[in-house]
Amino acid sequence: MVDDTSGKRNFRVSYYDKVGCRGIGEKAIVAILKDDIIDRKNLENFCIRFSIPSSFRILIWKILLKILPIHQQSHKFVMLQRTEQYNDLNRALTVMRKIDDKTDLPEVFLKMHLLETGELRLAFRHAAWHDNFYSIAQAVSEIVDSPVIGYWVSVKLYHYFEGNNYLAQIDEFNNLLTSALKKEHSKLFHHLNDLNFFNDDLIKSWYKRSYAGIIQCNGCLERIWDVLIGRGSRLLPYIAVQILITFDRHLLQAKTLLKCHETLTAVPFSDEASDVIVYKGIERWKKLEKIL
């Protein structure tokens, strides 16, 4: 757990005050959503520049992930169709005895998606991608109250992250990570570099899962996903930088790569650590990427 050097300071409030976006974001999103035909590009730009008010987040995600169309008059009808499709899949799995009342939602969502795509077999076969889907679905289940919306957000988020193929940008991301860390914490950079940490699969797993199951769902993971949905994928390495800086004392004491893993895999991080990581990480990203 990160050391508490500032009492119970709320990093989220501090961050909002510092960038001067409290209240501004809500006015901006209301202006974007007032039109019957919503401009997705404006929504993406909003996600990059501002923190999405929680009351608008799921609606914005549904539009940008194309769960809902840009025509607001069609939203009710489309959501009814989505609900019927969810109920049909859920009912079919129940009849097939693939799920029951004790099956947790992430597993329900995974099996529903497998059924929907024709990949569900008589015997459930675990595939490597299932872990990433499950992590995302588990986080979404903590964020969204409705199972129907939770299912569609989970499916669309998973495919959105997969479609952007963040691991294909690993060289660029590592250059951003090492450059920022070397500049801000040279001692930690050289220590981790000596351990060959930057070529380790741990960082790749953070990018692959878009920090699901690593950062807490208390407004922190959501903010990372806001930016990613707004096509700000270069945020990912800056979050990694802040994770390393947040746990610098423990990492500097680690003499092996295994010890580094032990420090960084006690996840998800605490609420306090998640606050520090996300909001300082975003601040660094905006500064270095010159996002106004």
C-alpha atoms as a PDB file:
ATOM      1  CA  MET A   1       0.000   0.000   0.000  1.00  0.00           C
ATOM      2  CA  VAL A   2       1.240   3.466  -0.826  1.00  0.00           C
ATOM      3  CA  ASP A   3       2.506   5.570   2.055  1.00  0.00           C
ATOM      4  CA  ASP A   4       0.024   8.226   3.234  1.00  0.00           C
ATOM      5  CA  THR A   5       2.205  11.331   3.363  1.00  0.00           C
ATOM      6  CA  SER A   6      -0.654  13.804   3.086  1.00  0.00           C
ATOM      7  CA  GLY A   7      -3.266  12.550   5.516  1.00  0.00           C
ATOM      8  CA  LYS A   8      -6.615  12.004   3.888  1.00  0.00           C
ATOM      9  CA  ARG A   9      -6.053  14.378   1.011  1.00  0.00           C
ATOM     10  CA  ASN A  10      -8.511  13.773  -1.815  1.00  0.00           C
ATOM     11  CA  PHE A  11      -6.363  13.649  -4.935  1.00  0.00           C
ATOM     12  CA  ARG A  12      -9.411  13.709  -7.183  1.00  0.00           C
ATOM     13  CA  VAL A  13     -10.680  17.028  -5.833  1.00  0.00           C
ATOM     14  CA  SER A  14      -7.179  18.457  -5.912  1.00  0.00           C
ATOM     15  CA  TYR A  15      -6.753  17.438  -9.529  1.00  0.00           C
ATOM     16  CA  TYR A  16     -10.061  18.941 -10.637  1.00  0.00           C
ATOM     17  CA  ASP A  17      -9.297  22.196  -8.847  1.00  0.00           C
ATOM     18  CA  LYS A  18      -5.824  22.411 -10.340  1.00  0.00           C
ATOM     19  CA  VAL A  19      -6.927  22.006 -13.958  1.00  0.00           C
ATOM     20  CA  GLY A  20      -9.964  24.204 -13.433  1.00  0.00           C
ATOM     21  CA  CYS A  21     -12.489  21.849 -15.011  1.00  0.00           C
ATOM     22  CA  ARG A  22     -14.981  21.474 -12.173  1.00  0.00           C
ATOM     23  CA  GLY A  23     -18.361  22.543 -13.528  1.00  0.00           C
ATOM     24  CA  ILE A  24     -16.948  23.286 -16.979  1.00  0.00           C
ATOM     25  CA  GLY A  25     -17.120  19.650 -18.033  1.00  0.00           C
ATOM     26  CA  GLU A  26     -20.785  19.289 -17.159  1.00  0.00           C
ATOM     27  CA  LYS A  27     -21.735  22.398 -19.129  1.00  0.00           C
ATOM     28  CA  ALA A  28     -19.747  21.181 -22.121  1.00  0.00           C
ATOM     29  CA  ILE A  29     -21.324  17.726 -22.168  1.00  0.00           C
ATOM     30  CA  VAL A  30     -24.842  19.137 -21.829  1.00  0.00           C
ATOM     31  CA  ALA A  31     -24.147  21.307 -24.881  1.00  0.00           C
ATOM     32  CA  ILE A  32     -22.940  18.306 -26.906  1.00  0.00           C
ATOM     33  CA  LEU A  33     -25.910  16.145 -25.922  1.00  0.00           C
ATOM     34  CA  LYS A  34     -28.594  18.768 -26.586  1.00  0.00           C
ATOM     35  CA  ASP A  35     -28.724  17.971 -30.318  1.00  0.00           C
ATOM     36  CA  ASP A  36     -30.811  15.089 -31.631  1.00  0.00           C
ATOM     37  CA  ILE A  37     -27.882  13.893 -33.761  1.00  0.00           C
ATOM     38  CA  ILE A  38     -24.815  13.584 -31.531  1.00  0.00           C
ATOM     39  CA  ASP A  39     -21.357  14.308 -32.908  1.00  0.00           C
ATOM     40  CA  ARG A  40     -19.163  11.364 -31.838  1.00  0.00           C
ATOM     41  CA  LYS A  41     -15.983  13.302 -32.588  1.00  0.00           C
ATOM     42  CA  ASN A  42     -17.014  16.030 -30.147  1.00  0.00           C
ATOM     43  CA  LEU A  43     -17.688  13.356 -27.542  1.00  0.00           C
ATOM     44  CA  GLU A  44     -14.237  11.841 -28.085  1.00  0.00           C
ATOM     45  CA  ASN A  45     -12.612  15.266 -27.709  1.00  0.00           C
ATOM     46  CA  PHE A  46     -14.582  15.820 -24.505  1.00  0.00           C
ATOM     47  CA  CYS A  47     -13.300  12.509 -23.084  1.00  0.00           C
ATOM     48  CA  ILE A  48      -9.734  13.639 -23.756  1.00  0.00           C
ATOM     49  CA  ARG A  49     -10.056  17.113 -22.269  1.00  0.00           C
ATOM     50  CA  PHE A  50     -12.419  16.676 -19.329  1.00  0.00           C
ATOM     51  CA  SER A  51     -13.403  14.218 -16.649  1.00  0.00           C
ATOM     52  CA  ILE A  52     -16.839  12.853 -17.550  1.00  0.00           C
ATOM     53  CA  PRO A  53     -19.480  13.607 -14.877  1.00  0.00           C
ATOM     54  CA  SER A  54     -20.569  10.245 -13.464  1.00  0.00           C
ATOM     55  CA  SER A  55     -24.207  10.923 -14.302  1.00  0.00           C
ATOM     56  CA  PHE A  56     -23.326  11.099 -18.015  1.00  0.00           C
ATOM     57  CA  ARG A  57     -20.597   8.449 -18.231  1.00  0.00           C
ATOM     58  CA  ILE A  58     -22.603   5.369 -19.191  1.00  0.00           C
ATOM     59  CA  LEU A  59     -24.612   7.263 -21.808  1.00  0.00           C
ATOM     60  CA  ILE A  60     -21.397   8.572 -23.374  1.00  0.00           C
ATOM     61  CA  TRP A  61     -19.807   5.126 -23.323  1.00  0.00           C
ATOM     62  CA  LYS A  62     -22.875   3.601 -24.961  1.00  0.00           C
ATOM     63  CA  ILE A  63     -22.757   6.158 -27.770  1.00  0.00           C
ATOM     64  CA  LEU A  64     -18.990   5.984 -28.381  1.00  0.00           C
ATOM     65  CA  LEU A  65     -18.968   2.179 -28.180  1.00  0.00           C
ATOM     66  CA  LYS A  66     -21.903   2.130 -30.632  1.00  0.00           C
ATOM     67  CA  ILE A  67     -24.271   0.374 -28.280  1.00  0.00           C
ATOM     68  CA  LEU A  68     -26.582   3.275 -29.061  1.00  0.00           C
ATOM     69  CA  PRO A  69     -26.774   5.226 -32.352  1.00  0.00           C
ATOM     70  CA  ILE A  70     -25.999   8.921 -32.680  1.00  0.00           C
ATOM     71  CA  HIS A  71     -29.709   9.659 -33.237  1.00  0.00           C
ATOM     72  CA  GLN A  72     -31.163  10.214 -29.780  1.00  0.00           C
ATOM     73  CA  GLN A  73     -34.729   9.597 -30.938  1.00  0.00           C
ATOM     74  CA  SER A  74     -33.746   5.978 -31.625  1.00  0.00           C
ATOM     75  CA  HIS A  75     -32.170   5.316 -28.232  1.00  0.00           C
ATOM     76  CA  LYS A  76     -35.255   3.902 -26.540  1.00  0.00           C
ATOM     77  CA  PHE A  77     -36.065   1.524 -29.394  1.00  0.00           C
ATOM     78  CA  VAL A  78     -32.467   0.298 -29.757  1.00  0.00           C
ATOM     79  CA  MET A  79     -32.139  -0.278 -26.012  1.00  0.00           C
ATOM     80  CA  LEU A  80     -35.329  -2.327 -26.042  1.00  0.00           C
ATOM     81  CA  GLN A  81     -33.817  -4.508 -28.770  1.00  0.00           C
ATOM     82  CA  ARG A  82     -30.598  -4.861 -26.789  1.00  0.00           C
ATOM     83  CA  THR A  83     -32.600  -5.878 -23.723  1.00  0.00           C
ATOM     84  CA  GLU A  84     -34.565  -8.518 -25.649  1.00  0.00           C
ATOM     85  CA  GLN A  85     -31.344  -9.932 -27.075  1.00  0.00           C
ATOM     86  CA  TYR A  86     -29.815 -10.082 -23.584  1.00  0.00           C
ATOM     87  CA  ASN A  87     -32.888 -11.848 -22.188  1.00  0.00           C
ATOM     88  CA  ASP A  88     -32.917 -14.391 -25.045  1.00  0.00           C
ATOM     89  CA  LEU A  89     -29.239 -15.250 -24.509  1.00  0.00           C
ATOM     90  CA  ASN A  90     -29.658 -15.464 -20.751  1.00  0.00           C
ATOM     91  CA  ARG A  91     -32.725 -17.677 -21.066  1.00  0.00           C
ATOM     92  CA  ALA A  92     -31.002 -19.993 -23.541  1.00  0.00           C
ATOM     93  CA  LEU A  93     -27.984 -20.471 -21.254  1.00  0.00           C
ATOM     94  CA  THR A  94     -30.270 -21.152 -18.308  1.00  0.00           C
ATOM     95  CA  VAL A  95     -32.203 -23.814 -20.260  1.00  0.00           C
ATOM     96  CA  MET A  96     -28.889 -25.335 -21.367  1.00  0.00           C
ATOM     97  CA  ARG A  97     -27.787 -25.361 -17.713  1.00  0.00           C
ATOM     98  CA  LYS A  98     -24.688 -23.366 -18.523  1.00  0.00           C
ATOM     99  CA  ILE A  99     -25.574 -20.719 -15.920  1.00  0.00           C
ATOM    100  CA  ASP A 100     -27.777 -20.475 -12.840  1.00  0.00           C
ATOM    101  CA  ASP A 101     -28.567 -17.991 -10.072  1.00  0.00           C
ATOM    102  CA  LYS A 102     -25.159 -18.648  -8.476  1.00  0.00           C
ATOM    103  CA  THR A 103     -23.106 -17.892 -11.610  1.00  0.00           C
ATOM    104  CA  ASP A 104     -21.302 -14.577 -11.220  1.00  0.00           C
ATOM    105  CA  LEU A 105     -22.032 -11.860 -13.778  1.00  0.00           C
ATOM    106  CA  PRO A 106     -18.620 -11.804 -15.501  1.00  0.00           C
ATOM    107  CA  GLU A 107     -18.951 -15.518 -16.250  1.00  0.00           C
ATOM    108  CA  VAL A 108     -22.546 -15.025 -17.395  1.00  0.00           C
ATOM    109  CA  PHE A 109     -21.414 -12.240 -19.730  1.00  0.00           C
ATOM    110  CA  LEU A 110     -18.586 -14.369 -21.120  1.00  0.00           C
ATOM    111  CA  LYS A 111     -20.827 -17.354 -21.827  1.00  0.00           C
ATOM    112  CA  MET A 112     -23.499 -15.124 -23.341  1.00  0.00           C
ATOM    113  CA  HIS A 113     -20.921 -13.646 -25.683  1.00  0.00           C
ATOM    114  CA  LEU A 114     -19.639 -17.108 -26.600  1.00  0.00           C
ATOM    115  CA  LEU A 115     -23.202 -18.208 -27.362  1.00  0.00           C
ATOM    116  CA  GLU A 116     -23.899 -15.069 -29.359  1.00  0.00           C
ATOM    117  CA  THR A 117     -20.784 -15.561 -31.502  1.00  0.00           C
ATOM    118  CA  GLY A 118     -21.267 -19.320 -31.930  1.00  0.00           C
ATOM    119  CA  GLU A 119     -18.170 -20.196 -29.902  1.00  0.00           C
ATOM    120  CA  LEU A 120     -19.891 -21.910 -26.966  1.00  0.00           C
ATOM    121  CA  ARG A 121     -19.149 -25.639 -26.911  1.00  0.00           C
ATOM    122  CA  LEU A 122     -20.816 -28.525 -25.078  1.00  0.00           C
ATOM    123  CA  ALA A 123     -17.897 -28.477 -22.650  1.00  0.00           C
ATOM    124  CA  PHE A 124     -16.611 -25.056 -21.636  1.00  0.00           C
ATOM    125  CA  ARG A 125     -13.097 -24.587 -22.947  1.00  0.00           C
ATOM    126  CA  HIS A 126     -10.945 -21.898 -21.424  1.00  0.00           C
ATOM    127  CA  ALA A 127      -9.103 -19.698 -23.941  1.00  0.00           C
ATOM    128  CA  ALA A 128      -6.414 -17.124 -23.227  1.00  0.00           C
ATOM    129  CA  TRP A 129      -8.631 -14.174 -24.194  1.00  0.00           C
ATOM    130  CA  HIS A 130     -11.267 -15.216 -21.654  1.00  0.00           C
ATOM    131  CA  ASP A 131      -9.147 -13.825 -18.796  1.00  0.00           C
ATOM    132  CA  ASN A 132      -9.046 -10.352 -20.345  1.00  0.00           C
ATOM    133  CA  PHE A 133     -12.778 -10.418 -21.092  1.00  0.00           C
ATOM    134  CA  TYR A 134     -13.513 -11.596 -17.543  1.00  0.00           C
ATOM    135  CA  SER A 135     -11.374  -8.830 -15.991  1.00  0.00           C
ATOM    136  CA  ILE A 136     -13.142  -6.163 -18.029  1.00  0.00           C
ATOM    137  CA  ALA A 137     -16.587  -7.646 -17.312  1.00  0.00           C
ATOM    138  CA  GLN A 138     -15.824  -7.856 -13.600  1.00  0.00           C
ATOM    139  CA  ALA A 139     -14.865  -4.184 -13.506  1.00  0.00           C
ATOM    140  CA  VAL A 140     -17.917  -3.178 -15.550  1.00  0.00           C
ATOM    141  CA  SER A 141     -20.136  -5.133 -13.142  1.00  0.00           C
ATOM    142  CA  GLU A 142     -18.870  -2.886 -10.338  1.00  0.00           C
ATOM    143  CA  ILE A 143     -19.483   0.276 -12.359  1.00  0.00           C
ATOM    144  CA  VAL A 144     -22.879  -0.428 -13.951  1.00  0.00           C
ATOM    145  CA  ASP A 145     -26.055  -1.284 -12.043  1.00  0.00           C
ATOM    146  CA  SER A 146     -28.005  -2.895 -14.910  1.00  0.00           C
ATOM    147  CA  PRO A 147     -26.897  -6.386 -16.042  1.00  0.00           C
ATOM    148  CA  VAL A 148     -28.230  -5.629 -19.532  1.00  0.00           C
ATOM    149  CA  ILE A 149     -26.106  -2.510 -19.911  1.00  0.00           C
ATOM    150  CA  GLY A 150     -23.239  -4.264 -18.135  1.00  0.00           C
ATOM    151  CA  TYR A 151     -23.246  -7.036 -20.731  1.00  0.00           C
ATOM    152  CA  TRP A 152     -23.210  -4.732 -23.730  1.00  0.00           C
ATOM    153  CA  VAL A 153     -20.593  -2.404 -22.248  1.00  0.00           C
ATOM    154  CA  SER A 154     -18.378  -5.405 -21.388  1.00  0.00           C
ATOM    155  CA  VAL A 155     -18.613  -6.866 -24.892  1.00  0.00           C
ATOM    156  CA  LYS A 156     -18.071  -3.580 -26.679  1.00  0.00           C
ATOM    157  CA  LEU A 157     -15.225  -2.487 -24.395  1.00  0.00           C
ATOM    158  CA  TYR A 158     -13.430  -5.787 -24.822  1.00  0.00           C
ATOM    159  CA  HIS A 159     -13.636  -5.602 -28.600  1.00  0.00           C
ATOM    160  CA  TYR A 160     -12.754  -1.911 -28.599  1.00  0.00           C
ATOM    161  CA  PHE A 161      -9.563  -2.556 -26.626  1.00  0.00           C
ATOM    162  CA  GLU A 162      -8.738  -5.608 -28.759  1.00  0.00           C
ATOM    163  CA  GLY A 163      -9.399  -3.690 -31.958  1.00  0.00           C
ATOM    164  CA  ASN A 164      -6.972  -0.964 -30.944  1.00  0.00           C
ATOM    165  CA  ASN A 165      -4.308  -3.648 -30.340  1.00  0.00           C
ATOM    166  CA  TYR A 166      -2.349  -1.750 -27.716  1.00  0.00           C
ATOM    167  CA  LEU A 167       0.395  -4.375 -27.707  1.00  0.00           C
ATOM    168  CA  ALA A 168       1.187  -3.456 -31.318  1.00  0.00           C
ATOM    169  CA  GLN A 169       2.254  -0.071 -29.913  1.00  0.00           C
ATOM    170  CA  ILE A 170       4.453  -1.616 -27.228  1.00  0.00           C
ATOM    171  CA  ASP A 171       7.710  -0.150 -28.575  1.00  0.00           C
ATOM    172  CA  GLU A 172       6.251   3.353 -28.667  1.00  0.00           C
ATOM    173  CA  PHE A 173       4.692   2.908 -25.232  1.00  0.00           C
ATOM    174  CA  ASN A 174       7.963   1.654 -23.744  1.00  0.00           C
ATOM    175  CA  ASN A 175       9.827   4.610 -25.195  1.00  0.00           C
ATOM    176  CA  LEU A 176       7.314   6.981 -23.576  1.00  0.00           C
ATOM    177  CA  LEU A 177       7.487   5.098 -20.278  1.00  0.00           C
ATOM    178  CA  THR A 178      11.271   4.893 -20.026  1.00  0.00           C
ATOM    179  CA  SER A 179      11.789   8.454 -21.229  1.00  0.00           C
ATOM    180  CA  ALA A 180       9.365   9.885 -18.659  1.00  0.00           C
ATOM    181  CA  LEU A 181      10.644   7.709 -15.810  1.00  0.00           C
ATOM    182  CA  LYS A 182      14.299   8.448 -16.574  1.00  0.00           C
ATOM    183  CA  LYS A 183      13.544  12.168 -16.511  1.00  0.00           C
ATOM    184  CA  GLU A 184      11.445  12.129 -13.334  1.00  0.00           C
ATOM    185  CA  HIS A 185      13.068   9.359 -11.291  1.00  0.00           C
ATOM    186  CA  SER A 186      16.461   8.494 -12.713  1.00  0.00           C
ATOM    187  CA  LYS A 187      17.458   6.253  -9.805  1.00  0.00           C
ATOM    188  CA  LEU A 188      14.353   4.094 -10.181  1.00  0.00           C
ATOM    189  CA  PHE A 189      14.745   3.935 -13.957  1.00  0.00           C
ATOM    190  CA  HIS A 190      18.321   2.641 -13.778  1.00  0.00           C
ATOM    191  CA  HIS A 191      17.437   0.138 -11.045  1.00  0.00           C
ATOM    192  CA  LEU A 192      14.548  -1.333 -13.050  1.00  0.00           C
ATOM    193  CA  ASN A 193      16.543  -1.240 -16.256  1.00  0.00           C
ATOM    194  CA  ASP A 194      19.290  -3.303 -14.623  1.00  0.00           C
ATOM    195  CA  LEU A 195      16.630  -5.892 -13.740  1.00  0.00           C
ATOM    196  CA  ASN A 196      15.384  -5.896 -17.365  1.00  0.00           C
ATOM    197  CA  PHE A 197      11.980  -4.861 -16.010  1.00  0.00           C
ATOM    198  CA  PHE A 198      10.915  -2.895 -19.083  1.00  0.00           C
ATOM    199  CA  ASN A 199      10.918  -6.024 -21.259  1.00  0.00           C
ATOM    200  CA  ASP A 200       8.827  -7.948 -18.760  1.00  0.00           C
ATOM    201  CA  ASP A 201       5.350  -9.297 -19.547  1.00  0.00           C
ATOM    202  CA  LEU A 202       3.847  -7.578 -16.505  1.00  0.00           C
ATOM    203  CA  ILE A 203       3.673  -4.193 -18.215  1.00  0.00           C
ATOM    204  CA  LYS A 204       2.235  -5.819 -21.333  1.00  0.00           C
ATOM    205  CA  SER A 205      -0.526  -7.341 -19.206  1.00  0.00           C
ATOM    206  CA  TRP A 206      -1.398  -3.884 -17.854  1.00  0.00           C
ATOM    207  CA  TYR A 207      -1.830  -2.569 -21.384  1.00  0.00           C
ATOM    208  CA  LYS A 208      -3.662  -5.680 -22.567  1.00  0.00           C
ATOM    209  CA  ARG A 209      -6.241  -5.431 -19.771  1.00  0.00           C
ATOM    210  CA  SER A 210      -6.373  -1.620 -19.885  1.00  0.00           C
ATOM    211  CA  TYR A 211      -5.732  -1.783 -16.109  1.00  0.00           C
ATOM    212  CA  ALA A 212      -8.928  -3.758 -15.367  1.00  0.00           C
ATOM    213  CA  GLY A 213      -8.462  -5.587 -12.057  1.00  0.00           C
ATOM    214  CA  ILE A 214      -5.435  -3.419 -11.287  1.00  0.00           C
ATOM    215  CA  ILE A 215      -6.875   0.054 -10.712  1.00  0.00           C
ATOM    216  CA  GLN A 216      -9.932   0.385  -8.474  1.00  0.00           C
ATOM    217  CA  CYS A 217     -13.410   1.091  -9.889  1.00  0.00           C
ATOM    218  CA  ASN A 218     -14.051   4.128  -7.721  1.00  0.00           C
ATOM    219  CA  GLY A 219     -13.917   6.743 -10.464  1.00  0.00           C
ATOM    220  CA  CYS A 220     -10.273   5.898 -11.249  1.00  0.00           C
ATOM    221  CA  LEU A 221     -10.423   3.011 -13.716  1.00  0.00           C
ATOM    222  CA  GLU A 222     -13.423   4.714 -15.287  1.00  0.00           C
ATOM    223  CA  ARG A 223     -11.337   7.824 -15.985  1.00  0.00           C
ATOM    224  CA  ILE A 224      -8.656   5.753 -17.732  1.00  0.00           C
ATOM    225  CA  TRP A 225     -11.328   4.129 -19.869  1.00  0.00           C
ATOM    226  CA  ASP A 226     -12.891   7.532 -20.623  1.00  0.00           C
ATOM    227  CA  VAL A 227      -9.614   8.608 -22.198  1.00  0.00           C
ATOM    228  CA  LEU A 228      -9.115   5.318 -24.066  1.00  0.00           C
ATOM    229  CA  ILE A 229     -12.649   5.465 -25.471  1.00  0.00           C
ATOM    230  CA  GLY A 230     -11.810   9.020 -26.554  1.00  0.00           C
ATOM    231  CA  ARG A 231      -8.873   7.511 -28.499  1.00  0.00           C
ATOM    232  CA  GLY A 232      -6.186   8.653 -26.082  1.00  0.00           C
ATOM    233  CA  SER A 233      -4.247   5.381 -26.045  1.00  0.00           C
ATOM    234  CA  ARG A 234      -0.942   7.108 -25.234  1.00  0.00           C
ATOM    235  CA  LEU A 235      -2.226   7.571 -21.688  1.00  0.00           C
ATOM    236  CA  LEU A 236      -1.450   3.895 -20.956  1.00  0.00           C
ATOM    237  CA  PRO A 237       2.344   4.220 -20.471  1.00  0.00           C
ATOM    238  CA  TYR A 238       1.964   7.349 -18.332  1.00  0.00           C
ATOM    239  CA  ILE A 239      -0.265   5.407 -15.940  1.00  0.00           C
ATOM    240  CA  ALA A 240       2.497   2.780 -15.810  1.00  0.00           C
ATOM    241  CA  VAL A 241       5.028   5.513 -14.988  1.00  0.00           C
ATOM    242  CA  GLN A 242       2.935   6.694 -12.064  1.00  0.00           C
ATOM    243  CA  ILE A 243       2.470   3.134 -10.772  1.00  0.00           C
ATOM    244  CA  LEU A 244       6.242   2.722 -10.639  1.00  0.00           C
ATOM    245  CA  ILE A 245       6.812   6.102  -8.981  1.00  0.00           C
ATOM    246  CA  THR A 246       4.041   5.456  -6.448  1.00  0.00           C
ATOM    247  CA  PHE A 247       5.738   2.245  -5.330  1.00  0.00           C
ATOM    248  CA  ASP A 248       9.320   3.475  -5.778  1.00  0.00           C
ATOM    249  CA  ARG A 249      10.427   2.753  -2.211  1.00  0.00           C
ATOM    250  CA  HIS A 250       9.414  -0.913  -2.469  1.00  0.00           C
ATOM    251  CA  LEU A 251      10.774  -1.308  -5.983  1.00  0.00           C
ATOM    252  CA  LEU A 252      14.155   0.182  -5.096  1.00  0.00           C
ATOM    253  CA  GLN A 253      14.464  -2.418  -2.338  1.00  0.00           C
ATOM    254  CA  ALA A 254      13.650  -5.248  -4.752  1.00  0.00           C
ATOM    255  CA  LYS A 255      16.805  -7.093  -5.808  1.00  0.00           C
ATOM    256  CA  THR A 256      15.157  -9.346  -8.387  1.00  0.00           C
ATOM    257  CA  LEU A 257      12.449  -9.184 -11.028  1.00  0.00           C
ATOM    258  CA  LEU A 258      10.407 -11.598  -8.935  1.00  0.00           C
ATOM    259  CA  LYS A 259      10.444  -9.178  -6.003  1.00  0.00           C
ATOM    260  CA  CYS A 260       9.222  -6.409  -8.308  1.00  0.00           C
ATOM    261  CA  HIS A 261       6.349  -8.677  -9.321  1.00  0.00           C
ATOM    262  CA  GLU A 262       5.447  -9.288  -5.696  1.00  0.00           C
ATOM    263  CA  THR A 263       5.174  -5.545  -5.125  1.00  0.00           C
ATOM    264  CA  LEU A 264       3.142  -4.827  -8.240  1.00  0.00           C
ATOM    265  CA  THR A 265       0.813  -7.818  -8.372  1.00  0.00           C
ATOM    266  CA  ALA A 266      -0.912  -7.269  -5.019  1.00  0.00           C
ATOM    267  CA  VAL A 267      -3.851  -5.947  -7.029  1.00  0.00           C
ATOM    268  CA  PRO A 268      -6.166  -4.212  -7.296  1.00  0.00           C
ATOM    269  CA  PHE A 269      -4.333  -1.315  -5.720  1.00  0.00           C
ATOM    270  CA  SER A 270      -5.978   0.451  -2.794  1.00  0.00           C
ATOM    271  CA  ASP A 271      -8.408   3.337  -3.291  1.00  0.00           C
ATOM    272  CA  GLU A 272      -5.746   5.787  -2.169  1.00  0.00           C
ATOM    273  CA  ALA A 273      -3.065   4.394  -4.464  1.00  0.00           C
ATOM    274  CA  SER A 274      -5.502   4.295  -7.384  1.00  0.00           C
ATOM    275  CA  ASP A 275      -6.355   7.969  -6.830  1.00  0.00           C
ATOM    276  CA  VAL A 276      -2.686   8.937  -6.861  1.00  0.00           C
ATOM    277  CA  ILE A 277      -1.828   6.798  -9.873  1.00  0.00           C
ATOM    278  CA  VAL A 278      -4.680   7.857 -12.128  1.00  0.00           C
ATOM    279  CA  TYR A 279      -4.914  11.540 -11.441  1.00  0.00           C
ATOM    280  CA  LYS A 280      -1.183  12.205 -11.361  1.00  0.00           C
ATOM    281  CA  GLY A 281      -0.760   9.922 -14.373  1.00  0.00           C
ATOM    282  CA  ILE A 282      -3.349  11.894 -16.339  1.00  0.00           C
ATOM    283  CA  GLU A 283      -1.758  15.169 -15.255  1.00  0.00           C
ATOM    284  CA  ARG A 284       1.617  13.945 -16.541  1.00  0.00           C
ATOM    285  CA  TRP A 285       0.054  12.684 -19.804  1.00  0.00           C
ATOM    286  CA  LYS A 286      -1.678  16.001 -20.476  1.00  0.00           C
ATOM    287  CA  LYS A 287       1.478  17.968 -19.731  1.00  0.00           C
ATOM    288  CA  LEU A 288       3.852  15.857 -21.816  1.00  0.00           C
ATOM    289  CA  GLU A 289       1.394  15.293 -24.671  1.00  0.00           C
ATOM    290  CA  LYS A 290       0.458  19.013 -24.607  1.00  0.00           C
ATOM    291  CA  ILE A 291      -3.269  18.327 -24.243  1.00  0.00           C
ATOM    292  CA  LEU A 292      -5.031  21.569 -23.435  1.00  0.00           C
END
